[in-house]
Amino acid sequence: MSTNLMLKVTEIQRFCMHDGPGIRTTVFLKGCPLKCKWCHNPETKKTQSELLFYSNRCIFCKSCELSCAYMVHTVNEEHLLERSRCVICNDCANNCPTGAIEICGKEMSIEDILSVVKKDLAFYGDNGGITLSGGEPFMQGDAVIDLLKICKELGISTAVETCGYCDIGILKSAIPFVDLFLWDIKDTDIKRHKYYTGVSNKRILENLSYVSKSGAKIQLRCILINGINTEKEHYEKIADIAGTISNLDCVKLIPYHAYGGTKSILLGENDNGKMEWIPDTSQVELAKQIINSKGIKTL
């Protein structure tokens, strides 16, 4: 177990209130095996570092163009980027006076991450702690396991948000060091799941069953997307899955939002945010009613 192992981090958010119990320090890790069409964090999908461009901050000063040896930037009436030339040298970001350019995806050692986490120890109380999110944390394997182990040795509560599509061996290694699994259920319909995320949910549910049988505490996190999975059959299947979990915390219903589209634009991609996917209050309430009627607690 080493504090020198490196993880690819997109961001560390402090004082989070929605990523597990209490006050959390949430570490967002890069890389995800799913390709959800509604992704809320598109900057975490790829494993490699990426360039983010905030066009509204650009003052056309040409500092980036002059500092870039790879001719990524051309600044005239517009600021054009040839992203395929970018080698993530960070020169443009370092020379931008307005923060219009950022590099998303930073190598951090476990020791570096812990130095941030330890700043929040006084705020955790009885149930706060660290949450690993992403992306898919378990894609970073051994380094994630070591980070979790060290946190437990320090008495820090641990939570991991996972899509569940990961190596069973990594999950087995992680179980003793995770106080709460925040397990995403994207959809219960296997065909829809394959179409909208790029993978079948079979492996996800098999892994969920294994972790449940271990006695680990699990919170199901279920995104609700209007016109895709906002139907009674889906809610009933969520309740059925929740009913099989031996140590269920609750089912958290997460209405889709379109904010991820803004992040896609920063990456030079098309806006994937769709306002028509936002469910109305009545759809969320119906999901709660159906799941609660089976004796399952919802948030």
C-alpha atoms as a PDB file:
ATOM      1  CA  MET A   1       0.000   0.000   0.000  1.00  0.00           C
ATOM      2  CA  SER A   2       1.571   3.268  -1.141  1.00  0.00           C
ATOM      3  CA  THR A   3       0.633   6.933  -0.967  1.00  0.00           C
ATOM      4  CA  ASN A   4       2.722   7.491  -4.113  1.00  0.00           C
ATOM      5  CA  LEU A   5       0.288   5.755  -6.476  1.00  0.00           C
ATOM      6  CA  MET A   6      -1.259   8.200  -8.928  1.00  0.00           C
ATOM      7  CA  LEU A   7      -4.891   8.809  -9.839  1.00  0.00           C
ATOM      8  CA  LYS A   8      -6.310  10.892 -12.696  1.00  0.00           C
ATOM      9  CA  VAL A   9      -8.542  13.505 -11.039  1.00  0.00           C
ATOM     10  CA  THR A  10     -10.817  16.030 -12.740  1.00  0.00           C
ATOM     11  CA  GLU A  11     -11.849  17.908  -9.617  1.00  0.00           C
ATOM     12  CA  ILE A  12     -12.069  17.742  -5.838  1.00  0.00           C
ATOM     13  CA  GLN A  13     -15.188  19.391  -4.435  1.00  0.00           C
ATOM     14  CA  ARG A  14     -15.324  20.236  -0.750  1.00  0.00           C
ATOM     15  CA  PHE A  15     -18.372  20.578   1.508  1.00  0.00           C
ATOM     16  CA  CYS A  16     -20.651  18.446  -0.692  1.00  0.00           C
ATOM     17  CA  MET A  17     -24.074  17.558   0.708  1.00  0.00           C
ATOM     18  CA  HIS A  18     -25.498  15.197  -1.932  1.00  0.00           C
ATOM     19  CA  ASP A  19     -22.781  12.560  -2.370  1.00  0.00           C
ATOM     20  CA  GLY A  20     -23.470  10.461   0.694  1.00  0.00           C
ATOM     21  CA  PRO A  21     -24.270  11.214   4.336  1.00  0.00           C
ATOM     22  CA  GLY A  22     -23.057  14.340   6.094  1.00  0.00           C
ATOM     23  CA  ILE A  23     -20.493  16.714   4.649  1.00  0.00           C
ATOM     24  CA  ARG A  24     -18.362  15.046   1.987  1.00  0.00           C
ATOM     25  CA  THR A  25     -15.159  15.762   0.127  1.00  0.00           C
ATOM     26  CA  THR A  26     -15.925  14.410  -3.339  1.00  0.00           C
ATOM     27  CA  VAL A  27     -13.069  13.320  -5.584  1.00  0.00           C
ATOM     28  CA  PHE A  28     -14.072  13.073  -9.247  1.00  0.00           C
ATOM     29  CA  LEU A  29     -11.941  10.560 -11.144  1.00  0.00           C
ATOM     30  CA  LYS A  30     -11.455  10.341 -14.894  1.00  0.00           C
ATOM     31  CA  GLY A  31     -12.568   7.485 -17.109  1.00  0.00           C
ATOM     32  CA  CYS A  32     -15.883   5.667 -17.540  1.00  0.00           C
ATOM     33  CA  PRO A  33     -16.813   2.461 -19.417  1.00  0.00           C
ATOM     34  CA  LEU A  34     -20.333   3.759 -20.151  1.00  0.00           C
ATOM     35  CA  LYS A  35     -21.315   6.234 -22.853  1.00  0.00           C
ATOM     36  CA  CYS A  36     -24.579   7.585 -21.449  1.00  0.00           C
ATOM     37  CA  LYS A  37     -26.313   9.909 -23.891  1.00  0.00           C
ATOM     38  CA  TRP A  38     -27.448  12.041 -20.925  1.00  0.00           C
ATOM     39  CA  CYS A  39     -24.065  12.143 -19.146  1.00  0.00           C
ATOM     40  CA  HIS A  40     -23.944  14.827 -16.450  1.00  0.00           C
ATOM     41  CA  ASN A  41     -20.130  14.779 -16.249  1.00  0.00           C
ATOM     42  CA  PRO A  42     -18.856  14.366 -19.834  1.00  0.00           C
ATOM     43  CA  GLU A  43     -15.436  15.690 -18.829  1.00  0.00           C
ATOM     44  CA  THR A  44     -14.906  12.472 -16.845  1.00  0.00           C
ATOM     45  CA  LYS A  45     -15.693   9.993 -19.646  1.00  0.00           C
ATOM     46  CA  LYS A  46     -12.270   9.714 -21.279  1.00  0.00           C
ATOM     47  CA  THR A  47      -9.252   8.480 -19.348  1.00  0.00           C
ATOM     48  CA  GLN A  48      -6.851  10.998 -20.873  1.00  0.00           C
ATOM     49  CA  SER A  49      -6.570  14.669 -19.929  1.00  0.00           C
ATOM     50  CA  GLU A  50      -8.531  17.106 -22.098  1.00  0.00           C
ATOM     51  CA  LEU A  51      -8.585  20.797 -22.934  1.00  0.00           C
ATOM     52  CA  LEU A  52     -11.563  22.862 -21.775  1.00  0.00           C
ATOM     53  CA  PHE A  53     -12.255  26.190 -23.514  1.00  0.00           C
ATOM     54  CA  TYR A  54     -14.525  28.821 -21.937  1.00  0.00           C
ATOM     55  CA  SER A  55     -15.308  31.046 -24.924  1.00  0.00           C
ATOM     56  CA  ASN A  56     -17.083  33.634 -22.762  1.00  0.00           C
ATOM     57  CA  ARG A  57     -13.828  34.330 -20.904  1.00  0.00           C
ATOM     58  CA  CYS A  58     -11.648  34.775 -23.988  1.00  0.00           C
ATOM     59  CA  ILE A  59     -10.441  38.360 -24.640  1.00  0.00           C
ATOM     60  CA  PHE A  60      -8.640  37.476 -27.917  1.00  0.00           C
ATOM     61  CA  CYS A  61      -5.250  38.492 -26.537  1.00  0.00           C
ATOM     62  CA  LYS A  62      -3.424  35.722 -28.445  1.00  0.00           C
ATOM     63  CA  SER A  63      -1.423  34.666 -25.371  1.00  0.00           C
ATOM     64  CA  CYS A  64      -2.404  31.044 -25.997  1.00  0.00           C
ATOM     65  CA  GLU A  65      -1.534  31.170 -29.689  1.00  0.00           C
ATOM     66  CA  LEU A  66       1.884  32.697 -29.015  1.00  0.00           C
ATOM     67  CA  SER A  67       2.725  30.213 -26.253  1.00  0.00           C
ATOM     68  CA  CYS A  68       1.575  27.043 -28.047  1.00  0.00           C
ATOM     69  CA  ALA A  69       4.301  25.200 -29.970  1.00  0.00           C
ATOM     70  CA  TYR A  70       1.765  22.857 -31.582  1.00  0.00           C
ATOM     71  CA  MET A  71      -0.450  25.447 -33.325  1.00  0.00           C
ATOM     72  CA  VAL A  72      -3.593  24.385 -31.494  1.00  0.00           C
ATOM     73  CA  HIS A  73      -4.931  27.948 -31.235  1.00  0.00           C
ATOM     74  CA  THR A  74      -5.707  30.442 -34.000  1.00  0.00           C
ATOM     75  CA  VAL A  75      -7.056  33.746 -32.689  1.00  0.00           C
ATOM     76  CA  ASN A  76      -8.448  36.415 -35.013  1.00  0.00           C
ATOM     77  CA  GLU A  77     -12.112  37.437 -35.110  1.00  0.00           C
ATOM     78  CA  GLU A  78     -12.757  33.993 -33.644  1.00  0.00           C
ATOM     79  CA  HIS A  79     -10.779  31.695 -31.384  1.00  0.00           C
ATOM     80  CA  LEU A  80     -10.372  28.442 -33.297  1.00  0.00           C
ATOM     81  CA  LEU A  81      -8.920  25.263 -31.804  1.00  0.00           C
ATOM     82  CA  GLU A  82      -7.301  22.316 -33.559  1.00  0.00           C
ATOM     83  CA  ARG A  83      -7.745  19.941 -30.620  1.00  0.00           C
ATOM     84  CA  SER A  84      -6.185  16.964 -32.403  1.00  0.00           C
ATOM     85  CA  ARG A  85      -2.800  18.722 -32.201  1.00  0.00           C
ATOM     86  CA  CYS A  86      -3.006  19.266 -28.442  1.00  0.00           C
ATOM     87  CA  VAL A  87      -0.470  17.343 -26.338  1.00  0.00           C
ATOM     88  CA  ILE A  88      -1.747  18.722 -23.001  1.00  0.00           C
ATOM     89  CA  CYS A  89       1.515  20.586 -22.326  1.00  0.00           C
ATOM     90  CA  ASN A  90      -0.462  23.181 -20.316  1.00  0.00           C
ATOM     91  CA  ASP A  91       1.426  26.154 -21.797  1.00  0.00           C
ATOM     92  CA  CYS A  92      -1.721  27.813 -23.143  1.00  0.00           C
ATOM     93  CA  ALA A  93      -3.581  27.410 -19.859  1.00  0.00           C
ATOM     94  CA  ASN A  94      -0.630  28.744 -17.869  1.00  0.00           C
ATOM     95  CA  ASN A  95      -0.405  31.838 -20.073  1.00  0.00           C
ATOM     96  CA  CYS A  96      -4.122  32.633 -20.355  1.00  0.00           C
ATOM     97  CA  PRO A  97      -4.809  35.754 -18.227  1.00  0.00           C
ATOM     98  CA  THR A  98      -8.553  35.139 -17.872  1.00  0.00           C
ATOM     99  CA  GLY A  99      -8.785  31.398 -17.208  1.00  0.00           C
ATOM    100  CA  ALA A 100     -10.448  30.738 -20.558  1.00  0.00           C
ATOM    101  CA  ILE A 101      -8.396  27.552 -20.984  1.00  0.00           C
ATOM    102  CA  GLU A 102      -8.147  24.724 -18.495  1.00  0.00           C
ATOM    103  CA  ILE A 103      -6.707  21.236 -18.599  1.00  0.00           C
ATOM    104  CA  CYS A 104      -9.201  18.694 -17.263  1.00  0.00           C
ATOM    105  CA  GLY A 105      -7.547  15.638 -15.759  1.00  0.00           C
ATOM    106  CA  LYS A 106      -4.664  16.013 -13.348  1.00  0.00           C
ATOM    107  CA  GLU A 107      -2.370  13.283 -12.043  1.00  0.00           C
ATOM    108  CA  MET A 108      -2.511  13.360  -8.251  1.00  0.00           C
ATOM    109  CA  SER A 109      -0.848  11.049  -5.776  1.00  0.00           C
ATOM    110  CA  ILE A 110      -2.859   9.528  -2.951  1.00  0.00           C
ATOM    111  CA  GLU A 111      -0.847  11.751  -0.627  1.00  0.00           C
ATOM    112  CA  ASP A 112      -1.895  14.849  -2.615  1.00  0.00           C
ATOM    113  CA  ILE A 113      -5.557  13.852  -2.446  1.00  0.00           C
ATOM    114  CA  LEU A 114      -5.364  13.157   1.272  1.00  0.00           C
ATOM    115  CA  SER A 115      -3.828  16.579   1.877  1.00  0.00           C
ATOM    116  CA  VAL A 116      -7.060  18.106   0.546  1.00  0.00           C
ATOM    117  CA  VAL A 117      -9.321  15.653   2.365  1.00  0.00           C
ATOM    118  CA  LYS A 118      -7.627  16.260   5.710  1.00  0.00           C
ATOM    119  CA  LYS A 119      -8.521  19.957   5.519  1.00  0.00           C
ATOM    120  CA  ASP A 120     -12.161  18.935   5.994  1.00  0.00           C
ATOM    121  CA  LEU A 121     -11.744  16.477   8.868  1.00  0.00           C
ATOM    122  CA  ALA A 122     -13.163  18.942  11.389  1.00  0.00           C
ATOM    123  CA  PHE A 123     -16.402  19.202   9.396  1.00  0.00           C
ATOM    124  CA  TYR A 124     -17.168  15.502   8.930  1.00  0.00           C
ATOM    125  CA  GLY A 125     -18.717  14.908  12.339  1.00  0.00           C
ATOM    126  CA  ASP A 126     -20.145  11.427  12.866  1.00  0.00           C
ATOM    127  CA  ASN A 127     -21.063  10.586   9.277  1.00  0.00           C
ATOM    128  CA  GLY A 128     -19.224  12.825   6.793  1.00  0.00           C
ATOM    129  CA  GLY A 129     -16.173  11.731   4.847  1.00  0.00           C
ATOM    130  CA  ILE A 130     -14.721  11.144   1.399  1.00  0.00           C
ATOM    131  CA  THR A 131     -16.731  10.153  -1.678  1.00  0.00           C
ATOM    132  CA  LEU A 132     -15.104   8.855  -4.851  1.00  0.00           C
ATOM    133  CA  SER A 133     -17.089   9.681  -7.969  1.00  0.00           C
ATOM    134  CA  GLY A 134     -16.459  10.196 -11.652  1.00  0.00           C
ATOM    135  CA  GLY A 135     -16.488   8.787 -14.185  1.00  0.00           C
ATOM    136  CA  GLU A 136     -16.113   5.308 -12.773  1.00  0.00           C
ATOM    137  CA  PRO A 137     -13.712   5.222  -9.799  1.00  0.00           C
ATOM    138  CA  PHE A 138     -13.056   1.491 -10.022  1.00  0.00           C
ATOM    139  CA  MET A 139     -11.491   1.934 -13.479  1.00  0.00           C
ATOM    140  CA  GLN A 140      -8.435   3.204 -11.594  1.00  0.00           C
ATOM    141  CA  GLY A 141      -8.162  -0.076  -9.727  1.00  0.00           C
ATOM    142  CA  ASP A 142      -5.330  -0.573  -7.264  1.00  0.00           C
ATOM    143  CA  ALA A 143      -4.774   3.127  -6.588  1.00  0.00           C
ATOM    144  CA  VAL A 144      -8.433   3.535  -5.625  1.00  0.00           C
ATOM    145  CA  ILE A 145      -8.255   0.523  -3.309  1.00  0.00           C
ATOM    146  CA  ASP A 146      -5.153   1.924  -1.604  1.00  0.00           C
ATOM    147  CA  LEU A 147      -6.801   5.335  -1.179  1.00  0.00           C
ATOM    148  CA  LEU A 148      -9.835   3.699   0.434  1.00  0.00           C
ATOM    149  CA  LYS A 149      -7.645   1.581   2.728  1.00  0.00           C
ATOM    150  CA  ILE A 150      -5.690   4.587   3.951  1.00  0.00           C
ATOM    151  CA  CYS A 151      -8.877   6.581   4.539  1.00  0.00           C
ATOM    152  CA  LYS A 152     -10.241   3.776   6.709  1.00  0.00           C
ATOM    153  CA  GLU A 153      -6.959   3.628   8.651  1.00  0.00           C
ATOM    154  CA  LEU A 154      -7.353   7.361   9.293  1.00  0.00           C
ATOM    155  CA  GLY A 155     -10.927   6.852  10.495  1.00  0.00           C
ATOM    156  CA  ILE A 156     -12.453   8.645   7.499  1.00  0.00           C
ATOM    157  CA  SER A 157     -15.844   7.397   6.296  1.00  0.00           C
ATOM    158  CA  THR A 158     -15.783   6.250   2.661  1.00  0.00           C
ATOM    159  CA  ALA A 159     -18.378   6.190  -0.103  1.00  0.00           C
ATOM    160  CA  VAL A 160     -17.977   5.255  -3.758  1.00  0.00           C
ATOM    161  CA  GLU A 161     -20.366   6.199  -6.539  1.00  0.00           C
ATOM    162  CA  THR A 162     -20.189   3.480  -9.181  1.00  0.00           C
ATOM    163  CA  CYS A 163     -21.997   2.537 -12.365  1.00  0.00           C
ATOM    164  CA  GLY A 164     -21.342  -1.084 -11.366  1.00  0.00           C
ATOM    165  CA  TYR A 165     -19.822  -1.977 -14.732  1.00  0.00           C
ATOM    166  CA  CYS A 166     -16.408  -2.947 -13.427  1.00  0.00           C
ATOM    167  CA  ASP A 167     -14.135  -5.872 -12.689  1.00  0.00           C
ATOM    168  CA  ILE A 168     -15.529  -8.132  -9.967  1.00  0.00           C
ATOM    169  CA  GLY A 169     -12.027  -8.609  -8.560  1.00  0.00           C
ATOM    170  CA  ILE A 170     -11.703  -4.880  -7.910  1.00  0.00           C
ATOM    171  CA  LEU A 171     -15.103  -4.867  -6.204  1.00  0.00           C
ATOM    172  CA  LYS A 172     -14.110  -7.788  -3.982  1.00  0.00           C
ATOM    173  CA  SER A 173     -10.975  -5.926  -2.926  1.00  0.00           C
ATOM    174  CA  ALA A 174     -12.906  -2.714  -2.274  1.00  0.00           C
ATOM    175  CA  ILE A 175     -15.798  -4.065  -0.181  1.00  0.00           C
ATOM    176  CA  PRO A 176     -13.985  -4.102   3.203  1.00  0.00           C
ATOM    177  CA  PHE A 177     -13.011  -0.449   2.779  1.00  0.00           C
ATOM    178  CA  VAL A 178     -16.276   1.092   1.520  1.00  0.00           C
ATOM    179  CA  ASP A 179     -18.843   2.241   4.069  1.00  0.00           C
ATOM    180  CA  LEU A 180     -21.456   3.060   1.430  1.00  0.00           C
ATOM    181  CA  PHE A 181     -21.807   2.109  -2.222  1.00  0.00           C
ATOM    182  CA  LEU A 182     -23.737   4.711  -4.231  1.00  0.00           C
ATOM    183  CA  TRP A 183     -24.873   2.359  -6.995  1.00  0.00           C
ATOM    184  CA  ASP A 184     -26.242   3.876 -10.196  1.00  0.00           C
ATOM    185  CA  ILE A 185     -29.210   2.216 -11.856  1.00  0.00           C
ATOM    186  CA  LYS A 186     -29.491   3.907 -15.240  1.00  0.00           C
ATOM    187  CA  ASP A 187     -32.352   1.768 -16.534  1.00  0.00           C
ATOM    188  CA  THR A 188     -33.916  -1.600 -15.777  1.00  0.00           C
ATOM    189  CA  ASP A 189     -34.811  -2.354 -19.400  1.00  0.00           C
ATOM    190  CA  ILE A 190     -31.882  -4.258 -20.914  1.00  0.00           C
ATOM    191  CA  LYS A 191     -32.437  -3.061 -24.502  1.00  0.00           C
ATOM    192  CA  ARG A 192     -32.836   0.590 -23.520  1.00  0.00           C
ATOM    193  CA  HIS A 193     -29.804   0.342 -21.255  1.00  0.00           C
ATOM    194  CA  LYS A 194     -27.687  -0.980 -24.111  1.00  0.00           C
ATOM    195  CA  TYR A 195     -28.926   1.725 -26.506  1.00  0.00           C
ATOM    196  CA  TYR A 196     -28.532   4.711 -24.201  1.00  0.00           C
ATOM    197  CA  THR A 197     -25.360   3.728 -22.291  1.00  0.00           C
ATOM    198  CA  GLY A 198     -23.519   1.502 -24.758  1.00  0.00           C
ATOM    199  CA  VAL A 199     -23.479  -1.550 -22.470  1.00  0.00           C
ATOM    200  CA  SER A 200     -25.893  -4.174 -21.169  1.00  0.00           C
ATOM    201  CA  ASN A 201     -27.010  -3.905 -17.538  1.00  0.00           C
ATOM    202  CA  LYS A 202     -26.465  -7.658 -16.978  1.00  0.00           C
ATOM    203  CA  ARG A 203     -22.974  -7.286 -15.528  1.00  0.00           C
ATOM    204  CA  ILE A 204     -24.072  -4.296 -13.440  1.00  0.00           C
ATOM    205  CA  LEU A 205     -26.878  -6.260 -11.805  1.00  0.00           C
ATOM    206  CA  GLU A 206     -24.673  -9.319 -11.277  1.00  0.00           C
ATOM    207  CA  ASN A 207     -22.062  -7.170  -9.538  1.00  0.00           C
ATOM    208  CA  LEU A 208     -24.781  -5.505  -7.469  1.00  0.00           C
ATOM    209  CA  SER A 209     -26.009  -8.917  -6.340  1.00  0.00           C
ATOM    210  CA  TYR A 210     -22.493  -9.935  -5.303  1.00  0.00           C
ATOM    211  CA  VAL A 211     -21.892  -6.756  -3.304  1.00  0.00           C
ATOM    212  CA  SER A 212     -25.321  -7.069  -1.676  1.00  0.00           C
ATOM    213  CA  LYS A 213     -24.602 -10.633  -0.545  1.00  0.00           C
ATOM    214  CA  SER A 214     -21.434  -9.384   1.150  1.00  0.00           C
ATOM    215  CA  GLY A 215     -23.589  -7.276   3.462  1.00  0.00           C
ATOM    216  CA  ALA A 216     -22.155  -3.980   2.221  1.00  0.00           C
ATOM    217  CA  LYS A 217     -24.390  -0.943   2.609  1.00  0.00           C
ATOM    218  CA  ILE A 218     -25.858   0.206  -0.701  1.00  0.00           C
ATOM    219  CA  GLN A 219     -27.794   3.243  -1.849  1.00  0.00           C
ATOM    220  CA  LEU A 220     -29.421   2.886  -5.261  1.00  0.00           C
ATOM    221  CA  ARG A 221     -29.205   6.077  -7.306  1.00  0.00           C
ATOM    222  CA  CYS A 222     -31.738   6.145 -10.112  1.00  0.00           C
ATOM    223  CA  ILE A 223     -31.789   8.841 -12.761  1.00  0.00           C
ATOM    224  CA  LEU A 224     -35.249   9.694 -14.122  1.00  0.00           C
ATOM    225  CA  ILE A 225     -35.310  10.785 -17.767  1.00  0.00           C
ATOM    226  CA  ASN A 226     -38.571  11.939 -19.281  1.00  0.00           C
ATOM    227  CA  GLY A 227     -39.671   9.836 -22.229  1.00  0.00           C
ATOM    228  CA  ILE A 228     -37.001   7.198 -21.642  1.00  0.00           C
ATOM    229  CA  ASN A 229     -37.456   5.520 -18.260  1.00  0.00           C
ATOM    230  CA  THR A 230     -40.315   7.467 -16.671  1.00  0.00           C
ATOM    231  CA  GLU A 231     -42.762   4.568 -16.645  1.00  0.00           C
ATOM    232  CA  LYS A 232     -44.445   2.465 -13.969  1.00  0.00           C
ATOM    233  CA  GLU A 233     -42.726  -0.742 -15.079  1.00  0.00           C
ATOM    234  CA  HIS A 234     -39.315   0.813 -14.504  1.00  0.00           C
ATOM    235  CA  TYR A 235     -40.252   2.088 -11.048  1.00  0.00           C
ATOM    236  CA  GLU A 236     -41.604  -1.333 -10.086  1.00  0.00           C
ATOM    237  CA  LYS A 237     -38.393  -3.008 -11.224  1.00  0.00           C
ATOM    238  CA  ILE A 238     -36.349  -0.520  -9.180  1.00  0.00           C
ATOM    239  CA  ALA A 239     -38.397  -1.502  -6.133  1.00  0.00           C
ATOM    240  CA  ASP A 240     -37.881  -5.193  -6.932  1.00  0.00           C
ATOM    241  CA  ILE A 241     -34.104  -4.723  -7.178  1.00  0.00           C
ATOM    242  CA  ALA A 242     -34.054  -2.682  -3.971  1.00  0.00           C
ATOM    243  CA  GLY A 243     -35.992  -5.444  -2.233  1.00  0.00           C
ATOM    244  CA  THR A 244     -33.192  -7.934  -2.909  1.00  0.00           C
ATOM    245  CA  ILE A 245     -30.481  -5.802  -1.285  1.00  0.00           C
ATOM    246  CA  SER A 246     -29.603  -7.093   2.167  1.00  0.00           C
ATOM    247  CA  ASN A 247     -28.307  -3.793   3.561  1.00  0.00           C
ATOM    248  CA  LEU A 248     -30.193  -1.099   1.659  1.00  0.00           C
ATOM    249  CA  ASP A 249     -29.674   2.514   2.661  1.00  0.00           C
ATOM    250  CA  CYS A 250     -32.406   3.898   0.383  1.00  0.00           C
ATOM    251  CA  VAL A 251     -33.307   4.604  -3.225  1.00  0.00           C
ATOM    252  CA  LYS A 252     -32.312   8.099  -4.318  1.00  0.00           C
ATOM    253  CA  LEU A 253     -34.271   9.428  -7.293  1.00  0.00           C
ATOM    254  CA  ILE A 254     -32.278  11.862  -9.421  1.00  0.00           C
ATOM    255  CA  PRO A 255     -34.241  13.896 -11.990  1.00  0.00           C
ATOM    256  CA  TYR A 256     -32.274  14.478 -15.181  1.00  0.00           C
ATOM    257  CA  HIS A 257     -30.846  17.961 -15.704  1.00  0.00           C
ATOM    258  CA  ALA A 258     -29.322  19.445 -18.846  1.00  0.00           C
ATOM    259  CA  TYR A 259     -26.221  21.018 -17.281  1.00  0.00           C
ATOM    260  CA  GLY A 260     -23.934  18.368 -18.745  1.00  0.00           C
ATOM    261  CA  GLY A 261     -24.485  19.923 -22.164  1.00  0.00           C
ATOM    262  CA  THR A 262     -22.571  23.025 -21.123  1.00  0.00           C
ATOM    263  CA  LYS A 263     -19.582  20.876 -20.204  1.00  0.00           C
ATOM    264  CA  SER A 264     -19.762  19.113 -23.577  1.00  0.00           C
ATOM    265  CA  ILE A 265     -19.377  22.483 -25.306  1.00  0.00           C
ATOM    266  CA  LEU A 266     -16.249  23.207 -23.241  1.00  0.00           C
ATOM    267  CA  LEU A 267     -14.799  19.959 -24.631  1.00  0.00           C
ATOM    268  CA  GLY A 268     -15.539  21.026 -28.202  1.00  0.00           C
ATOM    269  CA  GLU A 269     -18.439  18.590 -28.512  1.00  0.00           C
ATOM    270  CA  ASN A 270     -22.104  19.116 -29.306  1.00  0.00           C
ATOM    271  CA  ASP A 271     -24.439  20.162 -26.506  1.00  0.00           C
ATOM    272  CA  ASN A 272     -25.994  16.883 -25.292  1.00  0.00           C
ATOM    273  CA  GLY A 273     -28.386  18.588 -22.881  1.00  0.00           C
ATOM    274  CA  LYS A 274     -32.052  18.077 -23.739  1.00  0.00           C
ATOM    275  CA  MET A 275     -34.684  20.115 -21.934  1.00  0.00           C
ATOM    276  CA  GLU A 276     -37.380  17.655 -22.993  1.00  0.00           C
ATOM    277  CA  TRP A 277     -35.653  14.955 -20.934  1.00  0.00           C
ATOM    278  CA  ILE A 278     -36.295  16.833 -17.678  1.00  0.00           C
ATOM    279  CA  PRO A 279     -39.103  15.018 -15.804  1.00  0.00           C
ATOM    280  CA  ASP A 280     -41.866  17.006 -14.173  1.00  0.00           C
ATOM    281  CA  THR A 281     -42.678  16.819 -10.484  1.00  0.00           C
ATOM    282  CA  SER A 282     -45.596  14.437 -11.009  1.00  0.00           C
ATOM    283  CA  GLN A 283     -43.317  11.836 -12.619  1.00  0.00           C
ATOM    284  CA  VAL A 284     -40.897  11.957  -9.702  1.00  0.00           C
ATOM    285  CA  GLU A 285     -43.773  11.718  -7.217  1.00  0.00           C
ATOM    286  CA  LEU A 286     -45.223   8.693  -9.028  1.00  0.00           C
ATOM    287  CA  ALA A 287     -41.841   6.963  -8.826  1.00  0.00           C
ATOM    288  CA  LYS A 288     -41.702   7.675  -5.082  1.00  0.00           C
ATOM    289  CA  GLN A 289     -45.235   6.376  -4.532  1.00  0.00           C
ATOM    290  CA  ILE A 290     -44.633   3.106  -6.360  1.00  0.00           C
ATOM    291  CA  ILE A 291     -41.283   2.440  -4.679  1.00  0.00           C
ATOM    292  CA  ASN A 292     -42.543   3.489  -1.227  1.00  0.00           C
ATOM    293  CA  SER A 293     -45.573   1.205  -1.632  1.00  0.00           C
ATOM    294  CA  LYS A 294     -43.151  -1.749  -1.614  1.00  0.00           C
ATOM    295  CA  GLY A 295     -41.761  -0.618   1.743  1.00  0.00           C
ATOM    296  CA  ILE A 296     -38.657   0.973   0.206  1.00  0.00           C
ATOM    297  CA  LYS A 297     -37.391   4.329   1.486  1.00  0.00           C
ATOM    298  CA  THR A 298     -36.699   7.023  -1.121  1.00  0.00           C
ATOM    299  CA  LEU A 299     -34.819  10.293  -1.162  1.00  0.00           C
END
